[in-house]
Amino acid sequence: MANGRRPVYVISIAAGLAGCHPRTLRIYEEEGLLEPVRTETNIRLYSDDDLQRVRVIRYLTQVRGVNLAGVKLLLHMRDATDLMEDLMRELAQVGGDEEDAGGDATTAEDRSKRDRNEGTRF
């Protein structure tokens, strides 16, 4: 079983698995929606994560009627949201470490709400 991030599929196989034409994958790459790994001989390799991203793109364009510029914006927003969630988890963990050391028992989310209410900007 392949790791989700490990690039293992050449473009023809990836397109077949994603249910699209290889040209579609090239267009998504040209639009900056997809970044396949390139081998030393310039062959594109796609991972399972890449294929999942293609399925999301196809859903948004074909079912929801979003154009590629809109898809790009939505994917950037999703990536930013994922980053923020990761940061909040890390802050909560640091807050938990402080609590274990006898520090303030408030969570990162509580501190964030308090800071917003006090008008603190970061």
PDB file of N, CA and C in Angstrom:
ATOM      1  N   MET A   1       0.843  -1.190   0.000  1.00  0.00           N
ATOM      2  CA  MET A   1       0.000   0.000   0.000  1.00  0.00           C
ATOM      3  C   MET A   1       0.880   1.241   0.000  1.00  0.00           C
ATOM      4  N   ALA A   2       0.586   2.161  -0.887  1.00  0.00           N
ATOM      5  CA  ALA A   2       1.395   3.372  -1.018  1.00  0.00           C
ATOM      6  C   ALA A   2       0.999   4.391   0.050  1.00  0.00           C
ATOM      7  N   ASN A   3       1.994   5.124   0.511  1.00  0.00           N
ATOM      8  CA  ASN A   3       1.756   6.234   1.417  1.00  0.00           C
ATOM      9  C   ASN A   3       1.024   7.320   0.638  1.00  0.00           C
ATOM     10  N   GLY A   4       0.087   8.032   1.256  1.00  0.00           N
ATOM     11  CA  GLY A   4      -0.711   9.046   0.577  1.00  0.00           C
ATOM     12  C   GLY A   4       0.094  10.152  -0.058  1.00  0.00           C
ATOM     13  N   ARG A   5       1.271  10.444   0.499  1.00  0.00           N
ATOM     14  CA  ARG A   5       2.085  11.539  -0.024  1.00  0.00           C
ATOM     15  C   ARG A   5       3.175  11.068  -0.979  1.00  0.00           C
ATOM     16  N   ARG A   6       3.354   9.789  -1.079  1.00  0.00           N
ATOM     17  CA  ARG A   6       4.431   9.258  -1.919  1.00  0.00           C
ATOM     18  C   ARG A   6       3.999   9.249  -3.385  1.00  0.00           C
ATOM     19  N   PRO A   7       4.730   9.968  -4.253  1.00  0.00           N
ATOM     20  CA  PRO A   7       4.363  10.008  -5.668  1.00  0.00           C
ATOM     21  C   PRO A   7       4.721   8.701  -6.369  1.00  0.00           C
ATOM     22  N   VAL A   8       3.703   8.019  -6.862  1.00  0.00           N
ATOM     23  CA  VAL A   8       3.941   6.713  -7.477  1.00  0.00           C
ATOM     24  C   VAL A   8       3.274   6.537  -8.840  1.00  0.00           C
ATOM     25  N   TYR A   9       2.323   7.391  -9.199  1.00  0.00           N
ATOM     26  CA  TYR A   9       1.549   7.190 -10.423  1.00  0.00           C
ATOM     27  C   TYR A   9       2.020   8.109 -11.540  1.00  0.00           C
ATOM     28  N   VAL A  10       2.274   7.540 -12.714  1.00  0.00           N
ATOM     29  CA  VAL A  10       2.557   8.362 -13.890  1.00  0.00           C
ATOM     30  C   VAL A  10       1.241   8.992 -14.347  1.00  0.00           C
ATOM     31  N   ILE A  11       1.319   9.970 -15.223  1.00  0.00           N
ATOM     32  CA  ILE A  11       0.150  10.771 -15.562  1.00  0.00           C
ATOM     33  C   ILE A  11      -1.006   9.947 -16.137  1.00  0.00           C
ATOM     34  N   SER A  12      -0.731   8.973 -16.954  1.00  0.00           N
ATOM     35  CA  SER A  12      -1.820   8.190 -17.556  1.00  0.00           C
ATOM     36  C   SER A  12      -2.573   7.380 -16.499  1.00  0.00           C
ATOM     37  N   ILE A  13      -1.840   6.795 -15.568  1.00  0.00           N
ATOM     38  CA  ILE A  13      -2.469   6.020 -14.494  1.00  0.00           C
ATOM     39  C   ILE A  13      -3.213   6.959 -13.550  1.00  0.00           C
ATOM     40  N   ALA A  14      -2.593   8.068 -13.200  1.00  0.00           N
ATOM     41  CA  ALA A  14      -3.224   9.041 -12.297  1.00  0.00           C
ATOM     42  C   ALA A  14      -4.529   9.563 -12.897  1.00  0.00           C
ATOM     43  N   ALA A  15      -4.503   9.874 -14.185  1.00  0.00           N
ATOM     44  CA  ALA A  15      -5.711  10.374 -14.841  1.00  0.00           C
ATOM     45  C   ALA A  15      -6.812   9.315 -14.820  1.00  0.00           C
ATOM     46  N   GLY A  16      -6.447   8.082 -15.083  1.00  0.00           N
ATOM     47  CA  GLY A  16      -7.433   7.003 -15.041  1.00  0.00           C
ATOM     48  C   GLY A  16      -8.032   6.826 -13.656  1.00  0.00           C
ATOM     49  N   LEU A  17      -7.191   6.890 -12.635  1.00  0.00           N
ATOM     50  CA  LEU A  17      -7.674   6.744 -11.262  1.00  0.00           C
ATOM     51  C   LEU A  17      -8.556   7.925 -10.840  1.00  0.00           C
ATOM     52  N   ALA A  18      -8.238   9.110 -11.349  1.00  0.00           N
ATOM     53  CA  ALA A  18      -9.004  10.310 -10.993  1.00  0.00           C
ATOM     54  C   ALA A  18     -10.237  10.496 -11.880  1.00  0.00           C
ATOM     55  N   GLY A  19     -10.337   9.702 -12.933  1.00  0.00           N
ATOM     56  CA  GLY A  19     -11.490   9.794 -13.822  1.00  0.00           C
ATOM     57  C   GLY A  19     -11.458  10.991 -14.753  1.00  0.00           C
ATOM     58  N   CYS A  20     -10.265  11.326 -15.221  1.00  0.00           N
ATOM     59  CA  CYS A  20     -10.151  12.461 -16.135  1.00  0.00           C
ATOM     60  C   CYS A  20      -9.110  12.142 -17.208  1.00  0.00           C
ATOM     61  N   HIS A  21      -8.906  13.069 -18.105  1.00  0.00           N
ATOM     62  CA  HIS A  21      -7.925  12.930 -19.177  1.00  0.00           C
ATOM     63  C   HIS A  21      -6.571  13.459 -18.682  1.00  0.00           C
ATOM     64  N   PRO A  22      -5.458  12.884 -19.149  1.00  0.00           N
ATOM     65  CA  PRO A  22      -4.149  13.417 -18.752  1.00  0.00           C
ATOM     66  C   PRO A  22      -3.990  14.914 -19.022  1.00  0.00           C
ATOM     67  N   ARG A  23      -4.612  15.409 -20.088  1.00  0.00           N
ATOM     68  CA  ARG A  23      -4.531  16.847 -20.384  1.00  0.00           C
ATOM     69  C   ARG A  23      -5.139  17.673 -19.250  1.00  0.00           C
ATOM     70  N   THR A  24      -6.182  17.148 -18.626  1.00  0.00           N
ATOM     71  CA  THR A  24      -6.807  17.842 -17.496  1.00  0.00           C
ATOM     72  C   THR A  24      -5.798  18.034 -16.368  1.00  0.00           C
ATOM     73  N   LEU A  25      -5.013  17.016 -16.094  1.00  0.00           N
ATOM     74  CA  LEU A  25      -3.994  17.120 -15.048  1.00  0.00           C
ATOM     75  C   LEU A  25      -2.940  18.157 -15.420  1.00  0.00           C
ATOM     76  N   ARG A  26      -2.591  18.207 -16.698  1.00  0.00           N
ATOM     77  CA  ARG A  26      -1.624  19.213 -17.145  1.00  0.00           C
ATOM     78  C   ARG A  26      -2.189  20.625 -16.989  1.00  0.00           C
ATOM     79  N   ILE A  27      -3.471  20.787 -17.292  1.00  0.00           N
ATOM     80  CA  ILE A  27      -4.109  22.101 -17.141  1.00  0.00           C
ATOM     81  C   ILE A  27      -4.122  22.506 -15.677  1.00  0.00           C
ATOM     82  N   TYR A  28      -4.468  21.576 -14.803  1.00  0.00           N
ATOM     83  CA  TYR A  28      -4.474  21.887 -13.368  1.00  0.00           C
ATOM     84  C   TYR A  28      -3.080  22.291 -12.893  1.00  0.00           C
ATOM     85  N   GLU A  29      -2.065  21.642 -13.437  1.00  0.00           N
ATOM     86  CA  GLU A  29      -0.697  22.012 -13.083  1.00  0.00           C
ATOM     87  C   GLU A  29      -0.367  23.415 -13.609  1.00  0.00           C
ATOM     88  N   GLU A  30      -0.749  23.698 -14.857  1.00  0.00           N
ATOM     89  CA  GLU A  30      -0.492  25.019 -15.445  1.00  0.00           C
ATOM     90  C   GLU A  30      -1.183  26.126 -14.659  1.00  0.00           C
ATOM     91  N   GLU A  31      -2.352  25.828 -14.108  1.00  0.00           N
ATOM     92  CA  GLU A  31      -3.119  26.808 -13.331  1.00  0.00           C
ATOM     93  C   GLU A  31      -2.628  26.926 -11.894  1.00  0.00           C
ATOM     94  N   GLY A  32      -1.666  26.089 -11.508  1.00  0.00           N
ATOM     95  CA  GLY A  32      -1.131  26.151 -10.153  1.00  0.00           C
ATOM     96  C   GLY A  32      -1.976  25.429  -9.120  1.00  0.00           C
ATOM     97  N   LEU A  33      -2.873  24.565  -9.572  1.00  0.00           N
ATOM     98  CA  LEU A  33      -3.747  23.833  -8.661  1.00  0.00           C
ATOM     99  C   LEU A  33      -3.133  22.520  -8.197  1.00  0.00           C
ATOM    100  N   LEU A  34      -2.127  22.068  -8.900  1.00  0.00           N
ATOM    101  CA  LEU A  34      -1.536  20.759  -8.650  1.00  0.00           C
ATOM    102  C   LEU A  34      -0.043  20.847  -8.911  1.00  0.00           C
ATOM    103  N   GLU A  35       0.740  20.193  -8.062  1.00  0.00           N
ATOM    104  CA  GLU A  35       2.196  20.200  -8.241  1.00  0.00           C
ATOM    105  C   GLU A  35       2.736  18.778  -8.165  1.00  0.00           C
ATOM    106  N   PRO A  36       2.699  18.062  -9.283  1.00  0.00           N
ATOM    107  CA  PRO A  36       3.257  16.711  -9.245  1.00  0.00           C
ATOM    108  C   PRO A  36       4.778  16.765  -9.110  1.00  0.00           C
ATOM    109  N   VAL A  37       5.325  15.707  -8.564  1.00  0.00           N
ATOM    110  CA  VAL A  37       6.780  15.586  -8.459  1.00  0.00           C
ATOM    111  C   VAL A  37       7.315  15.252  -9.843  1.00  0.00           C
ATOM    112  N   ARG A  38       8.465  15.774 -10.171  1.00  0.00           N
ATOM    113  CA  ARG A  38       9.101  15.462 -11.458  1.00  0.00           C
ATOM    114  C   ARG A  38      10.336  14.610 -11.208  1.00  0.00           C
ATOM    115  N   THR A  39      10.497  13.585 -12.046  1.00  0.00           N
ATOM    116  CA  THR A  39      11.694  12.754 -11.962  1.00  0.00           C
ATOM    117  C   THR A  39      12.840  13.469 -12.663  1.00  0.00           C
ATOM    118  N   GLU A  40      14.017  12.889 -12.603  1.00  0.00           N
ATOM    119  CA  GLU A  40      15.173  13.480 -13.293  1.00  0.00           C
ATOM    120  C   GLU A  40      14.950  13.557 -14.793  1.00  0.00           C
ATOM    121  N   THR A  41      14.119  12.664 -15.320  1.00  0.00           N
ATOM    122  CA  THR A  41      13.811  12.669 -16.754  1.00  0.00           C
ATOM    123  C   THR A  41      12.530  13.446 -17.050  1.00  0.00           C
ATOM    124  N   ASN A  42      12.070  14.248 -16.091  1.00  0.00           N
ATOM    125  CA  ASN A  42      10.935  15.158 -16.234  1.00  0.00           C
ATOM    126  C   ASN A  42       9.576  14.465 -16.341  1.00  0.00           C
ATOM    127  N   ILE A  43       9.461  13.266 -15.843  1.00  0.00           N
ATOM    128  CA  ILE A  43       8.184  12.558 -15.833  1.00  0.00           C
ATOM    129  C   ILE A  43       7.411  12.986 -14.588  1.00  0.00           C
ATOM    130  N   ARG A  44       6.125  13.314 -14.779  1.00  0.00           N
ATOM    131  CA  ARG A  44       5.273  13.696 -13.654  1.00  0.00           C
ATOM    132  C   ARG A  44       4.885  12.454 -12.866  1.00  0.00           C
ATOM    133  N   LEU A  45       4.972  12.556 -11.537  1.00  0.00           N
ATOM    134  CA  LEU A  45       4.514  11.482 -10.660  1.00  0.00           C
ATOM    135  C   LEU A  45       3.505  12.056  -9.670  1.00  0.00           C
ATOM    136  N   TYR A  46       2.392  11.357  -9.504  1.00  0.00           N
ATOM    137  CA  TYR A  46       1.302  11.814  -8.651  1.00  0.00           C
ATOM    138  C   TYR A  46       1.139  10.878  -7.457  1.00  0.00           C
ATOM    139  N   SER A  47       0.760  11.457  -6.330  1.00  0.00           N
ATOM    140  CA  SER A  47       0.517  10.684  -5.114  1.00  0.00           C
ATOM    141  C   SER A  47      -0.989  10.499  -4.917  1.00  0.00           C
ATOM    142  N   ASP A  48      -1.355   9.704  -3.927  1.00  0.00           N
ATOM    143  CA  ASP A  48      -2.768   9.554  -3.588  1.00  0.00           C
ATOM    144  C   ASP A  48      -3.355  10.887  -3.118  1.00  0.00           C
ATOM    145  N   ASP A  49      -2.565  11.681  -2.403  1.00  0.00           N
ATOM    146  CA  ASP A  49      -3.022  13.006  -1.979  1.00  0.00           C
ATOM    147  C   ASP A  49      -3.296  13.903  -3.194  1.00  0.00           C
ATOM    148  N   ASP A  50      -2.440  13.814  -4.215  1.00  0.00           N
ATOM    149  CA  ASP A  50      -2.664  14.576  -5.445  1.00  0.00           C
ATOM    150  C   ASP A  50      -3.976  14.154  -6.100  1.00  0.00           C
ATOM    151  N   LEU A  51      -4.225  12.851  -6.135  1.00  0.00           N
ATOM    152  CA  LEU A  51      -5.456  12.357  -6.748  1.00  0.00           C
ATOM    153  C   LEU A  51      -6.680  12.822  -5.973  1.00  0.00           C
ATOM    154  N   GLN A  52      -6.579  12.868  -4.659  1.00  0.00           N
ATOM    155  CA  GLN A  52      -7.695  13.374  -3.854  1.00  0.00           C
ATOM    156  C   GLN A  52      -7.942  14.846  -4.170  1.00  0.00           C
ATOM    157  N   ARG A  53      -6.884  15.589  -4.336  1.00  0.00           N
ATOM    158  CA  ARG A  53      -7.013  17.011  -4.686  1.00  0.00           C
ATOM    159  C   ARG A  53      -7.678  17.157  -6.051  1.00  0.00           C
ATOM    160  N   VAL A  54      -7.326  16.302  -7.011  1.00  0.00           N
ATOM    161  CA  VAL A  54      -7.947  16.329  -8.338  1.00  0.00           C
ATOM    162  C   VAL A  54      -9.443  16.053  -8.207  1.00  0.00           C
ATOM    163  N   ARG A  55      -9.807  15.104  -7.377  1.00  0.00           N
ATOM    164  CA  ARG A  55     -11.231  14.793  -7.184  1.00  0.00           C
ATOM    165  C   ARG A  55     -11.979  15.990  -6.600  1.00  0.00           C
ATOM    166  N   VAL A  56     -11.356  16.698  -5.674  1.00  0.00           N
ATOM    167  CA  VAL A  56     -11.963  17.901  -5.099  1.00  0.00           C
ATOM    168  C   VAL A  56     -12.133  18.963  -6.185  1.00  0.00           C
ATOM    169  N   ILE A  57     -11.101  19.171  -6.985  1.00  0.00           N
ATOM    170  CA  ILE A  57     -11.156  20.161  -8.060  1.00  0.00           C
ATOM    171  C   ILE A  57     -12.283  19.810  -9.040  1.00  0.00           C
ATOM    172  N   ARG A  58     -12.355  18.553  -9.430  1.00  0.00           N
ATOM    173  CA  ARG A  58     -13.387  18.121 -10.377  1.00  0.00           C
ATOM    174  C   ARG A  58     -14.787  18.277  -9.785  1.00  0.00           C
ATOM    175  N   TYR A  59     -14.947  17.975  -8.507  1.00  0.00           N
ATOM    176  CA  TYR A  59     -16.246  18.163  -7.861  1.00  0.00           C
ATOM    177  C   TYR A  59     -16.644  19.634  -7.904  1.00  0.00           C
ATOM    178  N   LEU A  60     -15.713  20.496  -7.523  1.00  0.00           N
ATOM    179  CA  LEU A  60     -16.024  21.925  -7.490  1.00  0.00           C
ATOM    180  C   LEU A  60     -16.350  22.470  -8.874  1.00  0.00           C
ATOM    181  N   THR A  61     -15.621  22.018  -9.889  1.00  0.00           N
ATOM    182  CA  THR A  61     -15.860  22.546 -11.233  1.00  0.00           C
ATOM    183  C   THR A  61     -17.087  21.924 -11.891  1.00  0.00           C
ATOM    184  N   GLN A  62     -17.269  20.631 -11.752  1.00  0.00           N
ATOM    185  CA  GLN A  62     -18.346  19.955 -12.476  1.00  0.00           C
ATOM    186  C   GLN A  62     -19.678  19.948 -11.741  1.00  0.00           C
ATOM    187  N   VAL A  63     -19.653  19.784 -10.436  1.00  0.00           N
ATOM    188  CA  VAL A  63     -20.896  19.698  -9.676  1.00  0.00           C
ATOM    189  C   VAL A  63     -21.329  21.068  -9.161  1.00  0.00           C
ATOM    190  N   ARG A  64     -20.372  21.828  -8.646  1.00  0.00           N
ATOM    191  CA  ARG A  64     -20.708  23.116  -8.035  1.00  0.00           C
ATOM    192  C   ARG A  64     -20.576  24.294  -8.999  1.00  0.00           C
ATOM    193  N   GLY A  65     -19.998  24.075 -10.175  1.00  0.00           N
ATOM    194  CA  GLY A  65     -19.921  25.125 -11.186  1.00  0.00           C
ATOM    195  C   GLY A  65     -18.897  26.215 -10.916  1.00  0.00           C
ATOM    196  N   VAL A  66     -17.875  25.901 -10.138  1.00  0.00           N
ATOM    197  CA  VAL A  66     -16.839  26.875  -9.816  1.00  0.00           C
ATOM    198  C   VAL A  66     -15.784  26.859 -10.918  1.00  0.00           C
ATOM    199  N   ASN A  67     -15.336  28.046 -11.350  1.00  0.00           N
ATOM    200  CA  ASN A  67     -14.276  28.073 -12.355  1.00  0.00           C
ATOM    201  C   ASN A  67     -12.923  27.824 -11.679  1.00  0.00           C
ATOM    202  N   LEU A  68     -11.872  27.636 -12.482  1.00  0.00           N
ATOM    203  CA  LEU A  68     -10.571  27.274 -11.918  1.00  0.00           C
ATOM    204  C   LEU A  68      -9.981  28.366 -11.036  1.00  0.00           C
ATOM    205  N   ALA A  69     -10.251  29.625 -11.343  1.00  0.00           N
ATOM    206  CA  ALA A  69      -9.771  30.709 -10.481  1.00  0.00           C
ATOM    207  C   ALA A  69     -10.448  30.624  -9.109  1.00  0.00           C
ATOM    208  N   GLY A  70     -11.731  30.315  -9.100  1.00  0.00           N
ATOM    209  CA  GLY A  70     -12.451  30.147  -7.839  1.00  0.00           C
ATOM    210  C   GLY A  70     -11.961  28.942  -7.063  1.00  0.00           C
ATOM    211  N   VAL A  71     -11.682  27.863  -7.781  1.00  0.00           N
ATOM    212  CA  VAL A  71     -11.155  26.657  -7.135  1.00  0.00           C
ATOM    213  C   VAL A  71      -9.823  26.973  -6.475  1.00  0.00           C
ATOM    214  N   LYS A  72      -8.986  27.709  -7.167  1.00  0.00           N
ATOM    215  CA  LYS A  72      -7.674  28.070  -6.627  1.00  0.00           C
ATOM    216  C   LYS A  72      -7.831  28.853  -5.328  1.00  0.00           C
ATOM    217  N   LEU A  73      -8.739  29.800  -5.325  1.00  0.00           N
ATOM    218  CA  LEU A  73      -9.001  30.598  -4.132  1.00  0.00           C
ATOM    219  C   LEU A  73      -9.520  29.721  -2.990  1.00  0.00           C
ATOM    220  N   LEU A  74     -10.461  28.852  -3.295  1.00  0.00           N
ATOM    221  CA  LEU A  74     -11.019  27.964  -2.262  1.00  0.00           C
ATOM    222  C   LEU A  74      -9.954  27.032  -1.684  1.00  0.00           C
ATOM    223  N   LEU A  75      -9.101  26.502  -2.540  1.00  0.00           N
ATOM    224  CA  LEU A  75      -8.052  25.605  -2.053  1.00  0.00           C
ATOM    225  C   LEU A  75      -7.034  26.354  -1.199  1.00  0.00           C
ATOM    226  N   HIS A  76      -6.719  27.593  -1.569  1.00  0.00           N
ATOM    227  CA  HIS A  76      -5.807  28.405  -0.743  1.00  0.00           C
ATOM    228  C   HIS A  76      -6.434  28.693   0.615  1.00  0.00           C
ATOM    229  N   MET A  77      -7.725  28.959   0.614  1.00  0.00           N
ATOM    230  CA  MET A  77      -8.420  29.214   1.877  1.00  0.00           C
ATOM    231  C   MET A  77      -8.425  27.950   2.739  1.00  0.00           C
ATOM    232  N   ARG A  78      -8.640  26.798   2.107  1.00  0.00           N
ATOM    233  CA  ARG A  78      -8.631  25.536   2.851  1.00  0.00           C
ATOM    234  C   ARG A  78      -7.247  25.277   3.440  1.00  0.00           C
ATOM    235  N   ASP A  79      -6.206  25.540   2.643  1.00  0.00           N
ATOM    236  CA  ASP A  79      -4.842  25.348   3.134  1.00  0.00           C
ATOM    237  C   ASP A  79      -4.554  26.290   4.300  1.00  0.00           C
ATOM    238  N   ALA A  80      -5.022  27.536   4.198  1.00  0.00           N
ATOM    239  CA  ALA A  80      -4.813  28.501   5.277  1.00  0.00           C
ATOM    240  C   ALA A  80      -5.571  28.071   6.529  1.00  0.00           C
ATOM    241  N   THR A  81      -6.774  27.542   6.352  1.00  0.00           N
ATOM    242  CA  THR A  81      -7.558  27.064   7.491  1.00  0.00           C
ATOM    243  C   THR A  81      -6.847  25.900   8.169  1.00  0.00           C
ATOM    244  N   ASP A  82      -6.326  24.972   7.367  1.00  0.00           N
ATOM    245  CA  ASP A  82      -5.582  23.844   7.925  1.00  0.00           C
ATOM    246  C   ASP A  82      -4.373  24.334   8.714  1.00  0.00           C
ATOM    247  N   LEU A  83      -3.674  25.328   8.184  1.00  0.00           N
ATOM    248  CA  LEU A  83      -2.519  25.885   8.878  1.00  0.00           C
ATOM    249  C   LEU A  83      -2.937  26.505  10.205  1.00  0.00           C
ATOM    250  N   MET A  84      -4.020  27.266  10.195  1.00  0.00           N
ATOM    251  CA  MET A  84      -4.501  27.897  11.427  1.00  0.00           C
ATOM    252  C   MET A  84      -4.900  26.842  12.463  1.00  0.00           C
ATOM    253  N   GLU A  85      -5.540  25.765  12.020  1.00  0.00           N
ATOM    254  CA  GLU A  85      -5.920  24.700  12.951  1.00  0.00           C
ATOM    255  C   GLU A  85      -4.682  24.041  13.553  1.00  0.00           C
ATOM    256  N   ASP A  86      -3.662  23.826  12.731  1.00  0.00           N
ATOM    257  CA  ASP A  86      -2.404  23.267  13.239  1.00  0.00           C
ATOM    258  C   ASP A  86      -1.777  24.192  14.278  1.00  0.00           C
ATOM    259  N   LEU A  87      -1.778  25.494  13.980  1.00  0.00           N
ATOM    260  CA  LEU A  87      -1.218  26.460  14.925  1.00  0.00           C
ATOM    261  C   LEU A  87      -2.002  26.479  16.228  1.00  0.00           C
ATOM    262  N   MET A  88      -3.313  26.412  16.147  1.00  0.00           N
ATOM    263  CA  MET A  88      -4.142  26.411  17.361  1.00  0.00           C
ATOM    264  C   MET A  88      -3.862  25.160  18.199  1.00  0.00           C
ATOM    265  N   ARG A  89      -3.682  24.022  17.543  1.00  0.00           N
ATOM    266  CA  ARG A  89      -3.349  22.789  18.279  1.00  0.00           C
ATOM    267  C   ARG A  89      -2.003  22.929  18.973  1.00  0.00           C
ATOM    268  N   GLU A  90      -1.042  23.506  18.275  1.00  0.00           N
ATOM    269  CA  GLU A  90       0.283  23.700  18.877  1.00  0.00           C
ATOM    270  C   GLU A  90       0.211  24.666  20.052  1.00  0.00           C
ATOM    271  N   LEU A  91      -0.552  25.751  19.886  1.00  0.00           N
ATOM    272  CA  LEU A  91      -0.705  26.705  20.982  1.00  0.00           C
ATOM    273  C   LEU A  91      -1.397  26.054  22.177  1.00  0.00           C
ATOM    274  N   ALA A  92      -2.393  25.225  21.909  1.00  0.00           N
ATOM    275  CA  ALA A  92      -3.087  24.533  22.995  1.00  0.00           C
ATOM    276  C   ALA A  92      -2.131  23.585  23.706  1.00  0.00           C
ATOM    277  N   GLN A  93      -1.262  22.950  22.934  1.00  0.00           N
ATOM    278  CA  GLN A  93      -0.290  22.038  23.534  1.00  0.00           C
ATOM    279  C   GLN A  93       0.702  22.821  24.394  1.00  0.00           C
ATOM    280  N   VAL A  94       1.169  23.947  23.902  1.00  0.00           N
ATOM    281  CA  VAL A  94       2.082  24.783  24.675  1.00  0.00           C
ATOM    282  C   VAL A  94       1.375  25.269  25.933  1.00  0.00           C
ATOM    283  N   GLY A  95       0.108  25.652  25.791  1.00  0.00           N
ATOM    284  CA  GLY A  95      -0.670  26.077  26.947  1.00  0.00           C
ATOM    285  C   GLY A  95      -0.819  24.953  27.951  1.00  0.00           C
ATOM    286  N   GLY A  96      -0.983  23.722  27.459  1.00  0.00           N
ATOM    287  CA  GLY A  96      -1.070  22.562  28.343  1.00  0.00           C
ATOM    288  C   GLY A  96       0.235  22.323  29.059  1.00  0.00           C
ATOM    289  N   ASP A  97       1.352  22.558  28.363  1.00  0.00           N
ATOM    290  CA  ASP A  97       2.669  22.410  28.996  1.00  0.00           C
ATOM    291  C   ASP A  97       2.848  23.442  30.096  1.00  0.00           C
ATOM    292  N   GLU A  98       2.360  24.682  29.845  1.00  0.00           N
ATOM    293  CA  GLU A  98       2.447  25.714  30.865  1.00  0.00           C
ATOM    294  C   GLU A  98       1.596  25.368  32.069  1.00  0.00           C
ATOM    295  N   GLU A  99       0.426  24.787  31.804  1.00  0.00           N
ATOM    296  CA  GLU A  99      -0.474  24.404  32.892  1.00  0.00           C
ATOM    297  C   GLU A  99       0.184  23.334  33.751  1.00  0.00           C
ATOM    298  N   ASP A 100       0.849  22.382  33.102  1.00  0.00           N
ATOM    299  CA  ASP A 100       1.549  21.331  33.845  1.00  0.00           C
ATOM    300  C   ASP A 100       2.654  21.917  34.700  1.00  0.00           C
ATOM    301  N   ALA A 101       3.228  23.032  34.240  1.00  0.00           N
ATOM    302  CA  ALA A 101       4.319  23.667  34.979  1.00  0.00           C
ATOM    303  C   ALA A 101       3.797  24.679  35.991  1.00  0.00           C
ATOM    304  N   GLY A 102       2.468  24.702  36.197  1.00  0.00           N
ATOM    305  CA  GLY A 102       1.895  25.620  37.174  1.00  0.00           C
ATOM    306  C   GLY A 102       1.570  26.975  36.598  1.00  0.00           C
ATOM    307  N   GLY A 103       1.539  27.093  35.270  1.00  0.00           N
ATOM    308  CA  GLY A 103       1.243  28.370  34.630  1.00  0.00           C
ATOM    309  C   GLY A 103      -0.246  28.603  34.523  1.00  0.00           C
ATOM    310  N   ASP A 104      -0.621  29.526  33.682  1.00  0.00           N
ATOM    311  CA  ASP A 104      -2.010  29.896  33.466  1.00  0.00           C
ATOM    312  C   ASP A 104      -2.785  28.716  32.902  1.00  0.00           C
ATOM    313  N   ALA A 105      -3.977  28.459  33.397  1.00  0.00           N
ATOM    314  CA  ALA A 105      -4.748  27.288  32.998  1.00  0.00           C
ATOM    315  C   ALA A 105      -5.665  27.576  31.819  1.00  0.00           C
ATOM    316  N   THR A 106      -5.615  28.754  31.225  1.00  0.00           N
ATOM    317  CA  THR A 106      -6.490  29.053  30.099  1.00  0.00           C
ATOM    318  C   THR A 106      -5.969  28.371  28.849  1.00  0.00           C
ATOM    319  N   THR A 107      -6.890  28.043  27.946  1.00  0.00           N
ATOM    320  CA  THR A 107      -6.500  27.409  26.696  1.00  0.00           C
ATOM    321  C   THR A 107      -6.119  28.468  25.683  1.00  0.00           C
ATOM    322  N   ALA A 108      -5.501  28.036  24.598  1.00  0.00           N
ATOM    323  CA  ALA A 108      -5.118  28.964  23.537  1.00  0.00           C
ATOM    324  C   ALA A 108      -6.360  29.620  22.948  1.00  0.00           C
ATOM    325  N   GLU A 109      -7.446  28.859  22.845  1.00  0.00           N
ATOM    326  CA  GLU A 109      -8.685  29.411  22.303  1.00  0.00           C
ATOM    327  C   GLU A 109      -9.236  30.490  23.234  1.00  0.00           C
ATOM    328  N   ASP A 110      -9.194  30.245  24.561  1.00  0.00           N
ATOM    329  CA  ASP A 110      -9.650  31.244  25.535  1.00  0.00           C
ATOM    330  C   ASP A 110      -8.806  32.510  25.437  1.00  0.00           C
ATOM    331  N   ARG A 111      -7.488  32.337  25.329  1.00  0.00           N
ATOM    332  CA  ARG A 111      -6.599  33.502  25.223  1.00  0.00           C
ATOM    333  C   ARG A 111      -6.870  34.274  23.943  1.00  0.00           C
ATOM    334  N   SER A 112      -7.145  33.533  22.859  1.00  0.00           N
ATOM    335  CA  SER A 112      -7.423  34.184  21.585  1.00  0.00           C
ATOM    336  C   SER A 112      -8.704  35.006  21.685  1.00  0.00           C
ATOM    337  N   LYS A 113      -9.742  34.448  22.305  1.00  0.00           N
ATOM    338  CA  LYS A 113     -10.993  35.180  22.482  1.00  0.00           C
ATOM    339  C   LYS A 113     -10.782  36.404  23.365  1.00  0.00           C
ATOM    340  N   ARG A 114     -10.027  36.221  24.436  1.00  0.00           N
ATOM    341  CA  ARG A 114      -9.757  37.332  25.349  1.00  0.00           C
ATOM    342  C   ARG A 114      -9.015  38.445  24.612  1.00  0.00           C
ATOM    343  N   ASP A 115      -8.019  38.067  23.822  1.00  0.00           N
ATOM    344  CA  ASP A 115      -7.244  39.061  23.085  1.00  0.00           C
ATOM    345  C   ASP A 115      -8.111  39.814  22.086  1.00  0.00           C
ATOM    346  N   ARG A 116      -9.027  39.117  21.422  1.00  0.00           N
ATOM    347  CA  ARG A 116      -9.923  39.777  20.473  1.00  0.00           C
ATOM    348  C   ARG A 116     -10.829  40.757  21.206  1.00  0.00           C
ATOM    349  N   ASN A 117     -11.330  40.352  22.369  1.00  0.00           N
ATOM    350  CA  ASN A 117     -12.214  41.208  23.142  1.00  0.00           C
ATOM    351  C   ASN A 117     -11.500  42.438  23.671  1.00  0.00           C
ATOM    352  N   GLU A 118     -10.218  42.295  23.957  1.00  0.00           N
ATOM    353  CA  GLU A 118      -9.439  43.421  24.471  1.00  0.00           C
ATOM    354  C   GLU A 118      -8.873  44.283  23.342  1.00  0.00           C
ATOM    355  N   GLY A 119      -9.118  43.874  22.102  1.00  0.00           N
ATOM    356  CA  GLY A 119      -8.643  44.652  20.974  1.00  0.00           C
ATOM    357  C   GLY A 119      -7.177  44.419  20.656  1.00  0.00           C
ATOM    358  N   THR A 120      -6.581  43.352  21.178  1.00  0.00           N
ATOM    359  CA  THR A 120      -5.188  43.058  20.902  1.00  0.00           C
ATOM    360  C   THR A 120      -5.043  42.606  19.458  1.00  0.00           C
ATOM    361  N   ARG A 121      -4.059  43.131  18.778  1.00  0.00           N
ATOM    362  CA  ARG A 121      -3.799  42.735  17.397  1.00  0.00           C
ATOM    363  C   ARG A 121      -2.467  42.022  17.336  1.00  0.00           C
ATOM    364  N   PHE A 122      -2.400  41.061  16.432  1.00  0.00           N
ATOM    365  CA  PHE A 122      -1.131  40.343  16.237  1.00  0.00           C
ATOM    366  C   PHE A 122      -0.829  40.155  14.799  1.00  0.00           C
TER     367      PHE A 122
END
